[in-house]
Amino acid sequence: MFYTEDLVDELNALLRYDLDTTQQGVKVHKNADPAVIAATARLHDKGLITQKDGGYLTDLGREVAEHAQMALTILTSPVMV
């Protein structure tokens, strides 16, 4: 299985969350990119965020967002040979 465009959009949406605090959410406005709106709605349907238009990370969402951030950090780090 490969990452689909929808999954990449969902991962990018999760990267918008500040993992240093649980007090800050995300609001996706109705005039945002349709792909972002759809990704956010899917994350809500999967139980990763509290609202269809963003809100806060659920406990599971926070865990997934942490993994997404870690993967991005690893994949964008300089190559060590």
PDB file of N, CA and C in Angstrom:
ATOM      1  N   MET A   1       0.841  -1.177   0.000  1.00  0.00           N
ATOM      2  CA  MET A   1       0.000   0.000   0.000  1.00  0.00           C
ATOM      3  C   MET A   1       0.888   1.244   0.000  1.00  0.00           C
ATOM      4  N   PHE A   2       0.462   2.243  -0.741  1.00  0.00           N
ATOM      5  CA  PHE A   2       1.203   3.487  -0.854  1.00  0.00           C
ATOM      6  C   PHE A   2       0.381   4.634  -0.280  1.00  0.00           C
ATOM      7  N   TYR A   3       1.053   5.741   0.020  1.00  0.00           N
ATOM      8  CA  TYR A   3       0.331   6.939   0.448  1.00  0.00           C
ATOM      9  C   TYR A   3      -0.440   7.499  -0.737  1.00  0.00           C
ATOM     10  N   THR A   4      -1.728   7.680  -0.540  1.00  0.00           N
ATOM     11  CA  THR A   4      -2.548   8.320  -1.563  1.00  0.00           C
ATOM     12  C   THR A   4      -2.490   9.827  -1.340  1.00  0.00           C
ATOM     13  N   GLU A   5      -2.967  10.570  -2.297  1.00  0.00           N
ATOM     14  CA  GLU A   5      -3.017  12.028  -2.160  1.00  0.00           C
ATOM     15  C   GLU A   5      -3.875  12.419  -0.952  1.00  0.00           C
ATOM     16  N   ASP A   6      -4.980  11.703  -0.733  1.00  0.00           N
ATOM     17  CA  ASP A   6      -5.835  11.989   0.422  1.00  0.00           C
ATOM     18  C   ASP A   6      -5.088  11.776   1.735  1.00  0.00           C
ATOM     19  N   LEU A   7      -4.325  10.687   1.834  1.00  0.00           N
ATOM     20  CA  LEU A   7      -3.566  10.425   3.054  1.00  0.00           C
ATOM     21  C   LEU A   7      -2.488  11.476   3.293  1.00  0.00           C
ATOM     22  N   VAL A   8      -1.837  11.904   2.234  1.00  0.00           N
ATOM     23  CA  VAL A   8      -0.831  12.964   2.354  1.00  0.00           C
ATOM     24  C   VAL A   8      -1.497  14.249   2.833  1.00  0.00           C
ATOM     25  N   ASP A   9      -2.675  14.567   2.304  1.00  0.00           N
ATOM     26  CA  ASP A   9      -3.409  15.752   2.756  1.00  0.00           C
ATOM     27  C   ASP A   9      -3.752  15.642   4.242  1.00  0.00           C
ATOM     28  N   GLU A  10      -4.132  14.457   4.694  1.00  0.00           N
ATOM     29  CA  GLU A  10      -4.455  14.254   6.103  1.00  0.00           C
ATOM     30  C   GLU A  10      -3.204  14.402   6.977  1.00  0.00           C
ATOM     31  N   LEU A  11      -2.095  13.848   6.550  1.00  0.00           N
ATOM     32  CA  LEU A  11      -0.846  13.996   7.291  1.00  0.00           C
ATOM     33  C   LEU A  11      -0.445  15.459   7.382  1.00  0.00           C
ATOM     34  N   ASN A  12      -0.563  16.179   6.269  1.00  0.00           N
ATOM     35  CA  ASN A  12      -0.235  17.602   6.281  1.00  0.00           C
ATOM     36  C   ASN A  12      -1.162  18.374   7.209  1.00  0.00           C
ATOM     37  N   ALA A  13      -2.424  18.003   7.263  1.00  0.00           N
ATOM     38  CA  ALA A  13      -3.364  18.667   8.171  1.00  0.00           C
ATOM     39  C   ALA A  13      -2.963  18.416   9.619  1.00  0.00           C
ATOM     40  N   LEU A  14      -2.533  17.221   9.943  1.00  0.00           N
ATOM     41  CA  LEU A  14      -2.101  16.912  11.305  1.00  0.00           C
ATOM     42  C   LEU A  14      -0.851  17.693  11.693  1.00  0.00           C
ATOM     43  N   LEU A  15      -0.008  17.999  10.713  1.00  0.00           N
ATOM     44  CA  LEU A  15       1.217  18.747  10.994  1.00  0.00           C
ATOM     45  C   LEU A  15       0.926  20.199  11.363  1.00  0.00           C
ATOM     46  N   ARG A  16      -0.286  20.669  11.141  1.00  0.00           N
ATOM     47  CA  ARG A  16      -0.658  22.040  11.492  1.00  0.00           C
ATOM     48  C   ARG A  16      -0.840  22.215  13.002  1.00  0.00           C
ATOM     49  N   TYR A  17      -1.005  21.121  13.715  1.00  0.00           N
ATOM     50  CA  TYR A  17      -1.251  21.195  15.157  1.00  0.00           C
ATOM     51  C   TYR A  17       0.047  21.397  15.921  1.00  0.00           C
ATOM     52  N   ASP A  18       0.002  22.279  16.920  1.00  0.00           N
ATOM     53  CA  ASP A  18       1.137  22.530  17.797  1.00  0.00           C
ATOM     54  C   ASP A  18       1.135  21.460  18.884  1.00  0.00           C
ATOM     55  N   LEU A  19       2.109  20.585  18.851  1.00  0.00           N
ATOM     56  CA  LEU A  19       2.166  19.474  19.795  1.00  0.00           C
ATOM     57  C   LEU A  19       2.744  19.873  21.147  1.00  0.00           C
ATOM     58  N   ASP A  20       3.183  21.125  21.262  1.00  0.00           N
ATOM     59  CA  ASP A  20       3.716  21.589  22.536  1.00  0.00           C
ATOM     60  C   ASP A  20       2.617  21.984  23.516  1.00  0.00           C
ATOM     61  N   THR A  21       1.363  22.044  23.047  1.00  0.00           N
ATOM     62  CA  THR A  21       0.260  22.420  23.919  1.00  0.00           C
ATOM     63  C   THR A  21      -1.012  21.681  23.514  1.00  0.00           C
ATOM     64  N   THR A  22      -1.864  21.432  24.484  1.00  0.00           N
ATOM     65  CA  THR A  22      -3.177  20.847  24.179  1.00  0.00           C
ATOM     66  C   THR A  22      -4.241  21.936  24.158  1.00  0.00           C
ATOM     67  N   GLN A  23      -3.841  23.180  24.403  1.00  0.00           N
ATOM     68  CA  GLN A  23      -4.774  24.302  24.497  1.00  0.00           C
ATOM     69  C   GLN A  23      -4.981  25.033  23.174  1.00  0.00           C
ATOM     70  N   GLN A  24      -4.288  24.615  22.137  1.00  0.00           N
ATOM     71  CA  GLN A  24      -4.385  25.299  20.852  1.00  0.00           C
ATOM     72  C   GLN A  24      -4.927  24.337  19.807  1.00  0.00           C
ATOM     73  N   GLY A  25      -6.008  24.744  19.163  1.00  0.00           N
ATOM     74  CA  GLY A  25      -6.601  23.934  18.107  1.00  0.00           C
ATOM     75  C   GLY A  25      -6.335  24.544  16.744  1.00  0.00           C
ATOM     76  N   VAL A  26      -7.040  24.031  15.761  1.00  0.00           N
ATOM     77  CA  VAL A  26      -6.933  24.507  14.386  1.00  0.00           C
ATOM     78  C   VAL A  26      -8.339  24.755  13.871  1.00  0.00           C
ATOM     79  N   LYS A  27      -8.516  25.829  13.122  1.00  0.00           N
ATOM     80  CA  LYS A  27      -9.801  26.141  12.494  1.00  0.00           C
ATOM     81  C   LYS A  27      -9.579  26.195  10.989  1.00  0.00           C
ATOM     82  N   VAL A  28     -10.303  25.377  10.255  1.00  0.00           N
ATOM     83  CA  VAL A  28     -10.236  25.385   8.793  1.00  0.00           C
ATOM     84  C   VAL A  28     -11.468  26.141   8.298  1.00  0.00           C
ATOM     85  N   HIS A  29     -11.235  27.260   7.665  1.00  0.00           N
ATOM     86  CA  HIS A  29     -12.326  28.113   7.202  1.00  0.00           C
ATOM     87  C   HIS A  29     -12.950  27.569   5.919  1.00  0.00           C
ATOM     88  N   LYS A  30     -14.189  27.951   5.669  1.00  0.00           N
ATOM     89  CA  LYS A  30     -14.924  27.424   4.517  1.00  0.00           C
ATOM     90  C   LYS A  30     -14.325  27.852   3.181  1.00  0.00           C
ATOM     91  N   ASN A  31     -13.471  28.878   3.182  1.00  0.00           N
ATOM     92  CA  ASN A  31     -12.835  29.308   1.932  1.00  0.00           C
ATOM     93  C   ASN A  31     -11.423  28.728   1.778  1.00  0.00           C
ATOM     94  N   ALA A  32     -11.060  27.768   2.635  1.00  0.00           N
ATOM     95  CA  ALA A  32      -9.758  27.099   2.533  1.00  0.00           C
ATOM     96  C   ALA A  32      -9.737  26.199   1.293  1.00  0.00           C
ATOM     97  N   ASP A  33      -8.565  25.727   0.968  1.00  0.00           N
ATOM     98  CA  ASP A  33      -8.400  24.795  -0.149  1.00  0.00           C
ATOM     99  C   ASP A  33      -9.343  23.601   0.073  1.00  0.00           C
ATOM    100  N   PRO A  34     -10.103  23.218  -0.946  1.00  0.00           N
ATOM    101  CA  PRO A  34     -11.033  22.094  -0.797  1.00  0.00           C
ATOM    102  C   PRO A  34     -10.367  20.799  -0.319  1.00  0.00           C
ATOM    103  N   ALA A  35      -9.126  20.576  -0.706  1.00  0.00           N
ATOM    104  CA  ALA A  35      -8.415  19.368  -0.261  1.00  0.00           C
ATOM    105  C   ALA A  35      -8.172  19.414   1.245  1.00  0.00           C
ATOM    106  N   VAL A  36      -7.893  20.601   1.783  1.00  0.00           N
ATOM    107  CA  VAL A  36      -7.678  20.757   3.223  1.00  0.00           C
ATOM    108  C   VAL A  36      -8.988  20.551   3.974  1.00  0.00           C
ATOM    109  N   ILE A  37     -10.060  21.112   3.441  1.00  0.00           N
ATOM    110  CA  ILE A  37     -11.380  20.947   4.056  1.00  0.00           C
ATOM    111  C   ILE A  37     -11.758  19.472   4.101  1.00  0.00           C
ATOM    112  N   ALA A  38     -11.558  18.781   2.994  1.00  0.00           N
ATOM    113  CA  ALA A  38     -11.909  17.358   2.920  1.00  0.00           C
ATOM    114  C   ALA A  38     -11.033  16.525   3.852  1.00  0.00           C
ATOM    115  N   ALA A  39      -9.740  16.825   3.901  1.00  0.00           N
ATOM    116  CA  ALA A  39      -8.829  16.082   4.768  1.00  0.00           C
ATOM    117  C   ALA A  39      -9.216  16.258   6.231  1.00  0.00           C
ATOM    118  N   THR A  40      -9.584  17.468   6.598  1.00  0.00           N
ATOM    119  CA  THR A  40      -9.972  17.745   7.974  1.00  0.00           C
ATOM    120  C   THR A  40     -11.247  16.982   8.331  1.00  0.00           C
ATOM    121  N   ALA A  41     -12.198  16.956   7.426  1.00  0.00           N
ATOM    122  CA  ALA A  41     -13.435  16.206   7.666  1.00  0.00           C
ATOM    123  C   ALA A  41     -13.143  14.714   7.831  1.00  0.00           C
ATOM    124  N   ARG A  42     -12.233  14.175   7.021  1.00  0.00           N
ATOM    125  CA  ARG A  42     -11.885  12.755   7.144  1.00  0.00           C
ATOM    126  C   ARG A  42     -11.206  12.460   8.477  1.00  0.00           C
ATOM    127  N   LEU A  43     -10.345  13.375   8.917  1.00  0.00           N
ATOM    128  CA  LEU A  43      -9.688  13.186  10.219  1.00  0.00           C
ATOM    129  C   LEU A  43     -10.710  13.162  11.338  1.00  0.00           C
ATOM    130  N   HIS A  44     -11.732  13.991  11.234  1.00  0.00           N
ATOM    131  CA  HIS A  44     -12.810  13.980  12.232  1.00  0.00           C
ATOM    132  C   HIS A  44     -13.559  12.655  12.175  1.00  0.00           C
ATOM    133  N   ASP A  45     -13.891  12.210  10.978  1.00  0.00           N
ATOM    134  CA  ASP A  45     -14.610  10.941  10.818  1.00  0.00           C
ATOM    135  C   ASP A  45     -13.810   9.762  11.385  1.00  0.00           C
ATOM    136  N   LYS A  46     -12.496   9.867  11.351  1.00  0.00           N
ATOM    137  CA  LYS A  46     -11.622   8.810  11.876  1.00  0.00           C
ATOM    138  C   LYS A  46     -11.389   8.957  13.375  1.00  0.00           C
ATOM    139  N   GLY A  47     -11.941  10.002  13.979  1.00  0.00           N
ATOM    140  CA  GLY A  47     -11.807  10.203  15.408  1.00  0.00           C
ATOM    141  C   GLY A  47     -10.479  10.804  15.841  1.00  0.00           C
ATOM    142  N   LEU A  48      -9.787  11.481  14.931  1.00  0.00           N
ATOM    143  CA  LEU A  48      -8.484  12.053  15.257  1.00  0.00           C
ATOM    144  C   LEU A  48      -8.565  13.504  15.698  1.00  0.00           C
ATOM    145  N   ILE A  49      -9.636  14.201  15.305  1.00  0.00           N
ATOM    146  CA  ILE A  49      -9.844  15.582  15.724  1.00  0.00           C
ATOM    147  C   ILE A  49     -11.289  15.752  16.177  1.00  0.00           C
ATOM    148  N   THR A  50     -11.534  16.811  16.954  1.00  0.00           N
ATOM    149  CA  THR A  50     -12.828  16.958  17.614  1.00  0.00           C
ATOM    150  C   THR A  50     -13.924  17.579  16.767  1.00  0.00           C
ATOM    151  N   GLN A  51     -13.579  18.298  15.716  1.00  0.00           N
ATOM    152  CA  GLN A  51     -14.583  18.975  14.889  1.00  0.00           C
ATOM    153  C   GLN A  51     -14.298  18.733  13.406  1.00  0.00           C
ATOM    154  N   LYS A  52     -15.342  18.767  12.592  1.00  0.00           N
ATOM    155  CA  LYS A  52     -15.154  18.574  11.143  1.00  0.00           C
ATOM    156  C   LYS A  52     -14.305  19.685  10.529  1.00  0.00           C
ATOM    157  N   ASP A  53     -14.301  20.853  11.160  1.00  0.00           N
ATOM    158  CA  ASP A  53     -13.518  21.975  10.634  1.00  0.00           C
ATOM    159  C   ASP A  53     -12.264  22.229  11.462  1.00  0.00           C
ATOM    160  N   GLY A  54     -11.802  21.217  12.161  1.00  0.00           N
ATOM    161  CA  GLY A  54     -10.561  21.341  12.920  1.00  0.00           C
ATOM    162  C   GLY A  54     -10.743  20.996  14.373  1.00  0.00           C
ATOM    163  N   GLY A  55     -10.751  22.008  15.213  1.00  0.00           N
ATOM    164  CA  GLY A  55     -10.881  21.755  16.639  1.00  0.00           C
ATOM    165  C   GLY A  55      -9.562  21.306  17.230  1.00  0.00           C
ATOM    166  N   TYR A  56      -9.657  20.372  18.153  1.00  0.00           N
ATOM    167  CA  TYR A  56      -8.485  19.884  18.877  1.00  0.00           C
ATOM    168  C   TYR A  56      -8.197  18.432  18.506  1.00  0.00           C
ATOM    169  N   LEU A  57      -6.974  18.020  18.751  1.00  0.00           N
ATOM    170  CA  LEU A  57      -6.617  16.623  18.563  1.00  0.00           C
ATOM    171  C   LEU A  57      -7.250  15.779  19.666  1.00  0.00           C
ATOM    172  N   THR A  58      -7.751  14.621  19.304  1.00  0.00           N
ATOM    173  CA  THR A  58      -8.158  13.644  20.310  1.00  0.00           C
ATOM    174  C   THR A  58      -6.882  12.965  20.813  1.00  0.00           C
ATOM    175  N   ASP A  59      -7.002  12.107  21.805  1.00  0.00           N
ATOM    176  CA  ASP A  59      -5.817  11.383  22.286  1.00  0.00           C
ATOM    177  C   ASP A  59      -5.179  10.584  21.158  1.00  0.00           C
ATOM    178  N   LEU A  60      -6.010   9.893  20.382  1.00  0.00           N
ATOM    179  CA  LEU A  60      -5.491   9.127  19.248  1.00  0.00           C
ATOM    180  C   LEU A  60      -4.892  10.062  18.194  1.00  0.00           C
ATOM    181  N   GLY A  61      -5.559  11.171  17.945  1.00  0.00           N
ATOM    182  CA  GLY A  61      -5.056  12.146  16.971  1.00  0.00           C
ATOM    183  C   GLY A  61      -3.704  12.700  17.362  1.00  0.00           C
ATOM    184  N   ARG A  62      -3.542  12.954  18.650  1.00  0.00           N
ATOM    185  CA  ARG A  62      -2.247  13.454  19.128  1.00  0.00           C
ATOM    186  C   ARG A  62      -1.152  12.421  18.874  1.00  0.00           C
ATOM    187  N   GLU A  63      -1.448  11.165  19.144  1.00  0.00           N
ATOM    188  CA  GLU A  63      -0.466  10.104  18.913  1.00  0.00           C
ATOM    189  C   GLU A  63      -0.097  10.023  17.427  1.00  0.00           C
ATOM    190  N   VAL A  64      -1.103  10.080  16.573  1.00  0.00           N
ATOM    191  CA  VAL A  64      -0.846  10.018  15.124  1.00  0.00           C
ATOM    192  C   VAL A  64      -0.054  11.241  14.674  1.00  0.00           C
ATOM    193  N   ALA A  65      -0.422  12.425  15.190  1.00  0.00           N
ATOM    194  CA  ALA A  65       0.295  13.650  14.826  1.00  0.00           C
ATOM    195  C   ALA A  65       1.754  13.585  15.274  1.00  0.00           C
ATOM    196  N   GLU A  66       1.999  13.023  16.444  1.00  0.00           N
ATOM    197  CA  GLU A  66       3.382  12.864  16.916  1.00  0.00           C
ATOM    198  C   GLU A  66       4.175  11.963  15.974  1.00  0.00           C
ATOM    199  N   HIS A  67       3.561  10.874  15.544  1.00  0.00           N
ATOM    200  CA  HIS A  67       4.240   9.969  14.603  1.00  0.00           C
ATOM    201  C   HIS A  67       4.470  10.647  13.256  1.00  0.00           C
ATOM    202  N   ALA A  68       3.496  11.404  12.801  1.00  0.00           N
ATOM    203  CA  ALA A  68       3.634  12.116  11.517  1.00  0.00           C
ATOM    204  C   ALA A  68       4.785  13.115  11.591  1.00  0.00           C
ATOM    205  N   GLN A  69       4.857  13.851  12.712  1.00  0.00           N
ATOM    206  CA  GLN A  69       5.936  14.827  12.890  1.00  0.00           C
ATOM    207  C   GLN A  69       7.291  14.128  12.946  1.00  0.00           C
ATOM    208  N   MET A  70       7.347  13.014  13.650  1.00  0.00           N
ATOM    209  CA  MET A  70       8.599  12.265  13.755  1.00  0.00           C
ATOM    210  C   MET A  70       9.047  11.756  12.381  1.00  0.00           C
ATOM    211  N   ALA A  71       8.111  11.221  11.619  1.00  0.00           N
ATOM    212  CA  ALA A  71       8.451  10.729  10.277  1.00  0.00           C
ATOM    213  C   ALA A  71       8.969  11.866   9.404  1.00  0.00           C
ATOM    214  N   LEU A  72       8.311  13.019   9.469  1.00  0.00           N
ATOM    215  CA  LEU A  72       8.753  14.169   8.678  1.00  0.00           C
ATOM    216  C   LEU A  72      10.156  14.608   9.091  1.00  0.00           C
ATOM    217  N   THR A  73      10.410  14.640  10.393  1.00  0.00           N
ATOM    218  CA  THR A  73      11.727  15.038  10.893  1.00  0.00           C
ATOM    219  C   THR A  73      12.810  14.077  10.399  1.00  0.00           C
ATOM    220  N   ILE A  74      12.525  12.803  10.489  1.00  0.00           N
ATOM    221  CA  ILE A  74      13.503  11.801  10.049  1.00  0.00           C
ATOM    222  C   ILE A  74      13.744  11.885   8.549  1.00  0.00           C
ATOM    223  N   LEU A  75      12.679  12.001   7.787  1.00  0.00           N
ATOM    224  CA  LEU A  75      12.807  11.993   6.329  1.00  0.00           C
ATOM    225  C   LEU A  75      13.411  13.274   5.764  1.00  0.00           C
ATOM    226  N   THR A  76      13.363  14.355   6.520  1.00  0.00           N
ATOM    227  CA  THR A  76      13.929  15.623   6.040  1.00  0.00           C
ATOM    228  C   THR A  76      15.272  15.951   6.683  1.00  0.00           C
ATOM    229  N   SER A  77      15.771  15.053   7.525  1.00  0.00           N
ATOM    230  CA  SER A  77      17.084  15.268   8.146  1.00  0.00           C
ATOM    231  C   SER A  77      18.172  14.980   7.142  1.00  0.00           C
ATOM    232  N   PRO A  78      19.331  15.643   7.310  1.00  0.00           N
ATOM    233  CA  PRO A  78      20.449  15.368   6.409  1.00  0.00           C
ATOM    234  C   PRO A  78      20.857  13.889   6.484  1.00  0.00           C
ATOM    235  N   VAL A  79      21.284  13.375   5.381  1.00  0.00           N
ATOM    236  CA  VAL A  79      21.708  11.969   5.308  1.00  0.00           C
ATOM    237  C   VAL A  79      23.047  11.829   6.019  1.00  0.00           C
ATOM    238  N   MET A  80      23.116  10.831   6.899  1.00  0.00           N
ATOM    239  CA  MET A  80      24.357  10.552   7.623  1.00  0.00           C
ATOM    240  C   MET A  80      24.919   9.231   7.098  1.00  0.00           C
ATOM    241  N   VAL A  81      26.082   9.299   6.521  1.00  0.00           N
ATOM    242  CA  VAL A  81      26.700   8.098   5.947  1.00  0.00           C
ATOM    243  C   VAL A  81      27.845   7.654   6.805  1.00  0.00           C
TER     244      VAL A  81
END
